[in-house]
Amino acid sequence: MASTITSPAPADDRVSARSIGARLLSRPEIGSLVGAAVILVFFLIAAPPFRDINNTGTILYQAALIGVMAVPVSLLMIGGEFDLSAGVAVTTSGLTAGLLAYQLSVNVWVGVGVALALSLAIGAFNGWLLMRTGLPSFLVTLGTFFILQGLNIAITRLASGAVASNSISDMDGFDAAKAVFASEFKVGGVTIKIIVVWWIVFVAAAAWVLQRTQIGNWIFAVGGDAAAARAVGVPVTKVKIGLFMAVGFFAWFTGMQLLFVQNGVVQSGEGVGKEFLYIIAAVVGGCLLTGGYGSVVGGAIGALIFGMVQLGVVYAGWNPDWFKAFLGAMLLLATIVNLVVKRQAEAR
């Protein structure tokens, strides 16, 4: 009796397991992680003060100042949009809280609450106008940038007679608000600013939303192809307006930190150019300018790179003028690396 020998069915590539190395290389933040390690080792060798554990808190603080805003900017870029008004929106928030509390002689927390409402309204306006007109977010938020920049200076001069808000350091509620937004504490002799803790919390929460929730799937979908996302039931308009409002919320928080760390005074010209630093952190962290791809954790690593380089240049005793040149080179290199990583991930 003849027996039939059957060959095993070929494995389906769609369900084949990938190696750990392949999964790691497909992560958008892998390039920034390697870059951060290289920069850390470099400055540990080149800048002796960089090795002082007491300077760790300063480096983390500089990173957090960019990193908090890099969280919503990363989410927005994954959703396929930009916000060029993010830098001056931070100043608008701080000025609103400070000027309102001083001019109306009310508790500082009243100014904080009004600033929050205004910041969310600015974000909602950007998102609404974008979806209503179909204009590129670059143009919409560039217009908002100039409006806010002009209002910051004009209203501050009108209200205080100077280019800075009046100090509110002696007003009711100031100490309690400063404890929330701008306090500090020591860990093993290292001074840690409270914004560093908030930064970590925000990154963890945003990363969970992006990777573990339906909202995160929607963000990737609208950034990849908004028309296709709308066709399968994704609320594209709500998602994009929500992302701009997230930028508004974080601009409010960063503005409050700015206000209270400077003892209740904000310069009306601050914030110009900061939006590019937030975008650079997001791009270095793995976000593509075309949307649909990126990582909040990568944006945090990008901000950490910023903090290390900014202070590493100072600690090494170099001319700080080289810092901006490094930022430009880092942006170009990160963009190329992100494209390569994405193509490798798609190929696998």
Protein backbone atom coordinates (compact mmCIF):
# COMPACT_ATOMS: atom_id res chain seq x y z
CA MET A 1 0.00 0.00 0.00
CA ALA A 2 1.55 3.30 -1.11
CA SER A 3 1.88 6.07 1.40
CA THR A 4 1.51 9.72 0.54
CA ILE A 5 4.06 12.16 1.89
CA THR A 6 2.73 15.66 2.29
CA SER A 7 5.04 18.63 2.58
CA PRO A 8 4.34 21.21 5.29
CA ALA A 9 2.39 24.28 4.21
CA PRO A 10 4.54 27.35 3.69
CA ALA A 11 4.49 29.86 6.55
CA ASP A 12 2.30 32.89 6.06
CA ASP A 13 4.51 35.99 6.10
CA ARG A 14 1.60 38.00 7.47
CA VAL A 15 1.62 36.12 10.77
CA SER A 16 5.28 35.17 11.03
CA ALA A 17 6.96 36.29 14.23
CA ARG A 18 9.54 39.01 13.99
CA SER A 19 12.75 38.97 15.97
CA ILE A 20 13.27 41.33 18.88
CA GLY A 21 15.88 43.20 16.87
CA ALA A 22 13.49 43.71 13.97
CA ARG A 23 10.79 45.02 16.30
CA LEU A 24 13.23 47.43 17.94
CA LEU A 25 14.49 48.74 14.60
CA SER A 26 10.92 49.40 13.51
CA ARG A 27 10.30 51.76 16.45
CA PRO A 28 10.33 55.46 15.43
CA GLU A 29 12.29 56.51 18.52
CA ILE A 30 15.20 54.12 18.01
CA GLY A 31 17.25 56.67 16.06
CA SER A 32 16.90 59.33 18.74
CA LEU A 33 17.71 56.81 21.47
CA VAL A 34 20.99 55.89 19.78
CA GLY A 35 21.72 59.59 19.21
CA ALA A 36 21.07 60.43 22.86
CA ALA A 37 23.47 57.67 23.98
CA VAL A 38 26.20 58.93 21.64
CA ILE A 39 25.78 62.55 22.78
CA LEU A 40 25.79 61.49 26.43
CA VAL A 41 29.06 59.58 26.06
CA PHE A 42 30.59 62.40 24.01
CA PHE A 43 29.93 65.12 26.60
CA LEU A 44 30.90 62.85 29.48
CA ILE A 45 34.33 62.74 27.84
CA ALA A 46 34.54 66.30 26.46
CA ALA A 47 32.99 68.30 29.32
CA PRO A 48 34.14 67.47 32.88
CA PRO A 49 31.27 69.42 34.56
CA PHE A 50 28.87 67.18 32.63
CA ARG A 51 30.02 64.30 34.83
CA ASP A 52 29.02 66.12 38.02
CA ILE A 53 25.86 64.44 39.32
CA ASN A 54 24.73 67.78 40.77
CA ASN A 55 24.29 69.12 37.21
CA THR A 56 21.85 66.35 36.30
CA GLY A 57 18.92 68.35 37.63
CA THR A 58 19.87 71.34 35.47
CA ILE A 59 20.10 69.20 32.33
CA LEU A 60 16.73 67.59 33.03
CA TYR A 61 15.20 71.01 33.67
CA GLN A 62 16.39 72.36 30.33
CA ALA A 63 15.05 69.24 28.62
CA ALA A 64 11.69 69.52 30.40
CA LEU A 65 11.19 73.13 29.30
CA ILE A 66 11.11 71.86 25.70
CA GLY A 67 9.85 68.37 26.48
CA VAL A 68 6.49 69.37 27.96
CA MET A 69 5.50 71.17 24.77
CA ALA A 70 7.07 68.44 22.63
CA VAL A 71 4.35 66.07 23.91
CA PRO A 72 1.36 67.75 22.18
CA VAL A 73 3.48 68.86 19.22
CA SER A 74 4.48 65.23 18.63
CA LEU A 75 0.83 64.15 18.79
CA LEU A 76 -0.16 66.95 16.41
CA MET A 77 2.57 66.04 13.92
CA ILE A 78 1.56 62.38 14.03
CA GLY A 79 -1.93 63.69 13.22
CA GLY A 80 -0.46 65.41 10.16
CA GLU A 81 -0.45 69.06 11.32
CA PHE A 82 1.84 71.82 12.65
CA ASP A 83 1.32 74.63 15.15
CA LEU A 84 3.65 77.56 14.62
CA SER A 85 1.87 79.58 17.31
CA ALA A 86 2.86 77.20 20.13
CA GLY A 87 5.81 79.30 21.32
CA VAL A 88 4.00 82.63 21.66
CA ALA A 89 0.89 80.86 22.99
CA VAL A 90 2.96 79.94 26.05
CA THR A 91 3.72 83.62 26.63
CA THR A 92 0.08 84.58 26.02
CA SER A 93 -0.98 82.19 28.76
CA GLY A 94 1.48 83.52 31.30
CA LEU A 95 0.69 87.14 30.48
CA THR A 96 -3.06 86.53 30.71
CA ALA A 97 -2.84 85.02 34.19
CA GLY A 98 -0.44 87.67 35.48
CA LEU A 99 -2.08 90.76 34.01
CA LEU A 100 -5.62 89.72 34.89
CA ALA A 101 -4.77 88.87 38.50
CA TYR A 102 -2.89 92.15 38.97
CA GLN A 103 -5.26 94.49 37.14
CA LEU A 104 -8.41 93.09 38.78
CA SER A 105 -6.76 92.43 42.16
CA VAL A 106 -8.16 88.91 42.32
CA ASN A 107 -6.73 85.65 43.59
CA VAL A 108 -3.94 84.34 41.35
CA TRP A 109 -5.91 81.15 40.71
CA VAL A 110 -8.61 83.18 38.97
CA GLY A 111 -6.01 84.37 36.48
CA VAL A 112 -4.73 80.80 36.09
CA GLY A 113 -8.25 79.57 35.30
CA VAL A 114 -8.94 82.32 32.76
CA ALA A 115 -5.58 81.64 31.09
CA LEU A 116 -6.54 77.97 30.76
CA ALA A 117 -9.85 78.85 29.12
CA LEU A 118 -8.14 81.24 26.72
CA SER A 119 -5.43 78.73 25.79
CA LEU A 120 -7.99 76.03 25.03
CA ALA A 121 -9.99 78.55 22.98
CA ILE A 122 -6.92 79.46 20.91
CA GLY A 123 -6.28 75.79 20.20
CA ALA A 124 -9.92 75.20 19.31
CA PHE A 125 -9.88 78.22 16.99
CA ASN A 126 -6.80 76.94 15.16
CA GLY A 127 -8.36 73.52 14.68
CA TRP A 128 -11.76 74.87 13.68
CA LEU A 129 -10.32 77.31 11.14
CA LEU A 130 -8.13 74.58 9.69
CA MET A 131 -11.04 72.22 9.16
CA ARG A 132 -13.44 74.95 8.08
CA THR A 133 -11.23 76.46 5.39
CA GLY A 134 -9.03 73.54 4.38
CA LEU A 135 -5.98 75.81 4.56
CA PRO A 136 -2.65 74.22 5.52
CA SER A 137 -1.99 74.32 9.26
CA PHE A 138 1.28 76.09 8.46
CA LEU A 139 -0.65 79.14 7.20
CA VAL A 140 -3.40 79.04 9.83
CA THR A 141 -1.02 78.89 12.79
CA LEU A 142 1.44 81.34 11.22
CA GLY A 143 -1.42 83.85 11.21
CA THR A 144 -2.21 83.02 14.83
CA PHE A 145 1.48 83.41 15.66
CA PHE A 146 1.57 87.00 14.42
CA ILE A 147 -1.76 87.86 16.05
CA LEU A 148 -0.66 86.58 19.45
CA GLN A 149 2.80 88.12 19.17
CA GLY A 150 1.28 91.53 18.47
CA LEU A 151 -1.37 91.23 21.17
CA ASN A 152 1.17 90.09 23.76
CA ILE A 153 3.24 93.24 23.32
CA ALA A 154 0.40 95.72 22.72
CA ILE A 155 -1.84 94.64 25.61
CA THR A 156 1.08 94.38 28.03
CA ARG A 157 2.20 97.93 27.19
CA LEU A 158 -1.38 99.17 27.54
CA ALA A 159 -1.98 97.47 30.89
CA SER A 160 1.39 97.82 32.63
CA GLY A 161 3.08 100.65 30.73
CA ALA A 162 6.07 98.38 30.09
CA VAL A 163 7.02 95.33 28.06
CA ALA A 164 6.59 92.98 31.02
CA SER A 165 3.64 92.12 33.23
CA ASN A 166 3.44 93.46 36.79
CA SER A 167 4.73 91.19 39.53
CA ILE A 168 2.08 89.16 41.34
CA SER A 169 4.45 87.49 43.81
CA ASP A 170 2.76 89.12 46.82
CA MET A 171 -0.83 88.31 45.80
CA ASP A 172 -3.20 85.73 47.28
CA GLY A 173 -2.73 82.25 45.85
CA PHE A 174 0.74 82.86 44.43
CA ASP A 175 2.60 80.52 46.78
CA ALA A 176 0.11 77.69 46.28
CA ALA A 177 0.24 78.06 42.51
CA LYS A 178 4.03 78.20 42.51
CA ALA A 179 4.11 74.96 44.47
CA VAL A 180 2.15 73.27 41.67
CA PHE A 181 3.91 74.76 38.66
CA ALA A 182 7.40 75.88 39.70
CA SER A 183 8.53 74.28 42.95
CA GLU A 184 11.62 72.11 43.42
CA PHE A 185 12.89 69.37 45.71
CA LYS A 186 16.10 67.45 46.33
CA VAL A 187 16.86 63.81 45.57
CA GLY A 188 20.23 62.66 46.88
CA GLY A 189 21.57 66.20 46.77
CA VAL A 190 20.32 66.81 43.21
CA THR A 191 17.79 69.63 42.82
CA ILE A 192 14.82 68.53 40.72
CA LYS A 193 12.31 71.03 39.39
CA ILE A 194 8.67 69.94 39.63
CA ILE A 195 8.25 70.45 35.87
CA VAL A 196 10.55 67.46 35.33
CA VAL A 197 8.10 65.27 37.24
CA TRP A 198 5.16 66.70 35.30
CA TRP A 199 7.05 66.07 32.06
CA ILE A 200 7.49 62.39 32.87
CA VAL A 201 3.82 62.07 33.84
CA PHE A 202 2.67 63.79 30.64
CA VAL A 203 4.89 61.62 28.42
CA ALA A 204 3.68 58.43 30.08
CA ALA A 205 0.01 59.44 29.80
CA ALA A 206 0.31 60.57 26.16
CA ALA A 207 2.24 57.44 25.18
CA TRP A 208 -0.48 55.28 26.74
CA VAL A 209 -3.22 57.17 24.88
CA LEU A 210 -1.33 56.92 21.59
CA GLN A 211 -0.50 53.23 21.81
CA ARG A 212 -3.32 51.72 23.86
CA THR A 213 -6.53 53.58 23.07
CA GLN A 214 -8.90 54.14 20.18
CA ILE A 215 -8.03 57.83 20.22
CA GLY A 216 -4.42 56.90 19.52
CA ASN A 217 -5.50 54.81 16.53
CA TRP A 218 -7.55 57.76 15.28
CA ILE A 219 -4.53 60.08 15.55
CA PHE A 220 -2.39 57.76 13.43
CA ALA A 221 -5.26 57.32 10.98
CA VAL A 222 -5.96 61.02 10.37
CA GLY A 223 -2.25 61.68 9.98
CA GLY A 224 -1.78 58.87 7.49
CA ASP A 225 -4.80 59.56 5.27
CA ALA A 226 -7.58 61.80 6.56
CA ALA A 227 -9.95 60.95 3.70
CA ALA A 228 -9.58 57.21 4.22
CA ALA A 229 -9.95 57.66 7.99
CA ARG A 230 -13.19 59.61 7.51
CA ALA A 231 -14.49 56.90 5.17
CA VAL A 232 -14.18 54.26 7.91
CA GLY A 233 -15.89 56.39 10.55
CA VAL A 234 -13.03 58.24 12.25
CA PRO A 235 -14.23 61.68 13.51
CA VAL A 236 -11.46 63.55 11.71
CA THR A 237 -12.68 67.05 12.60
CA LYS A 238 -13.01 66.28 16.32
CA VAL A 239 -9.62 64.56 16.42
CA LYS A 240 -7.79 67.46 14.79
CA ILE A 241 -9.51 70.12 16.86
CA GLY A 242 -8.77 68.03 19.94
CA LEU A 243 -5.08 67.85 19.03
CA PHE A 244 -4.86 71.64 18.67
CA MET A 245 -6.64 72.02 22.00
CA ALA A 246 -4.06 69.68 23.53
CA VAL A 247 -1.37 72.07 22.31
CA GLY A 248 -3.37 74.86 23.98
CA PHE A 249 -3.52 72.98 27.27
CA PHE A 250 0.20 72.31 27.36
CA ALA A 251 0.92 75.91 26.31
CA TRP A 252 -1.14 76.98 29.34
CA PHE A 253 0.80 74.68 31.64
CA THR A 254 4.18 75.82 30.31
CA GLY A 255 3.03 79.44 30.54
CA MET A 256 2.14 78.96 34.20
CA GLN A 257 5.58 77.50 34.83
CA LEU A 258 7.12 80.51 33.10
CA LEU A 259 5.05 82.93 35.17
CA PHE A 260 5.72 81.41 38.58
CA VAL A 261 9.38 80.49 38.09
CA GLN A 262 10.04 84.17 37.30
CA ASN A 263 8.28 85.35 40.48
CA GLY A 264 5.10 86.42 38.72
CA VAL A 265 6.62 88.42 35.85
CA VAL A 266 6.50 87.55 32.13
CA GLN A 267 8.27 89.41 29.33
CA SER A 268 5.84 90.04 26.47
CA GLY A 269 8.43 89.25 23.77
CA GLU A 270 9.23 85.76 25.07
CA GLY A 271 8.40 82.59 23.19
CA VAL A 272 9.28 83.68 19.65
CA GLY A 273 11.22 80.86 17.99
CA LYS A 274 10.42 78.28 20.66
CA GLU A 275 7.91 76.60 18.32
CA PHE A 276 10.79 75.45 16.14
CA LEU A 277 12.52 73.85 19.12
CA TYR A 278 9.36 71.88 19.91
CA ILE A 279 9.13 70.71 16.29
CA ILE A 280 12.82 69.80 16.19
CA ALA A 281 12.41 67.70 19.35
CA ALA A 282 9.46 65.87 17.77
CA VAL A 283 11.28 65.29 14.47
CA VAL A 284 14.47 64.13 16.18
CA GLY A 285 12.25 61.79 18.20
CA GLY A 286 10.92 60.07 15.08
CA CYS A 287 7.91 62.11 13.90
CA LEU A 288 7.63 62.51 10.15
CA LEU A 289 6.72 65.90 8.70
CA THR A 290 4.13 64.13 6.54
CA GLY A 291 2.20 62.73 9.53
CA GLY A 292 0.96 59.25 10.38
CA TYR A 293 4.19 58.14 12.03
CA GLY A 294 6.02 59.05 15.21
CA SER A 295 6.32 58.64 18.95
CA VAL A 296 5.71 60.73 22.06
CA VAL A 297 8.55 58.94 23.84
CA GLY A 298 10.78 59.82 20.90
CA GLY A 299 9.82 63.48 21.29
CA ALA A 300 10.87 63.28 24.94
CA ILE A 301 14.23 61.81 23.92
CA GLY A 302 14.58 64.61 21.37
CA ALA A 303 14.02 67.16 24.13
CA LEU A 304 16.58 65.36 26.30
CA ILE A 305 19.10 65.61 23.46
CA PHE A 306 18.36 69.34 23.30
CA GLY A 307 19.00 69.74 27.02
CA MET A 308 22.23 67.74 26.93
CA VAL A 309 23.64 69.62 23.95
CA GLN A 310 22.61 73.06 25.18
CA LEU A 311 24.37 72.63 28.52
CA GLY A 312 27.10 70.34 27.19
CA VAL A 313 28.33 73.13 24.90
CA VAL A 314 28.48 75.49 27.88
CA TYR A 315 30.15 72.95 30.18
CA ALA A 316 32.76 72.19 27.51
CA GLY A 317 33.61 75.89 27.26
CA TRP A 318 32.77 76.14 23.55
CA ASN A 319 31.32 79.11 21.70
CA PRO A 320 27.51 78.80 22.15
CA ASP A 321 27.01 80.11 18.62
CA TRP A 322 27.68 76.56 17.42
CA PHE A 323 24.53 75.36 19.16
CA LYS A 324 22.12 76.66 16.51
CA ALA A 325 24.27 75.15 13.76
CA PHE A 326 24.04 71.84 15.57
CA LEU A 327 20.25 72.12 15.80
CA GLY A 328 19.98 72.55 12.04
CA ALA A 329 22.30 69.64 11.32
CA MET A 330 20.47 67.49 13.86
CA LEU A 331 17.11 68.27 12.21
CA LEU A 332 18.35 67.27 8.75
CA LEU A 333 20.01 64.11 10.03
CA ALA A 334 16.96 63.11 12.06
CA THR A 335 14.67 63.57 9.06
CA ILE A 336 16.85 61.26 6.96
CA VAL A 337 17.12 58.66 9.74
CA ASN A 338 13.34 58.71 10.28
CA LEU A 339 12.70 58.02 6.60
CA VAL A 340 15.19 55.15 6.59
CA VAL A 341 13.70 53.60 9.75
CA LYS A 342 10.17 53.90 8.37
CA ARG A 343 11.15 52.26 5.08
CA GLN A 344 12.93 49.45 6.93
CA ALA A 345 9.85 48.92 9.09
CA GLU A 346 7.57 48.79 6.03
CA ALA A 347 9.93 46.39 4.27
CA ARG A 348 9.79 43.99 7.20
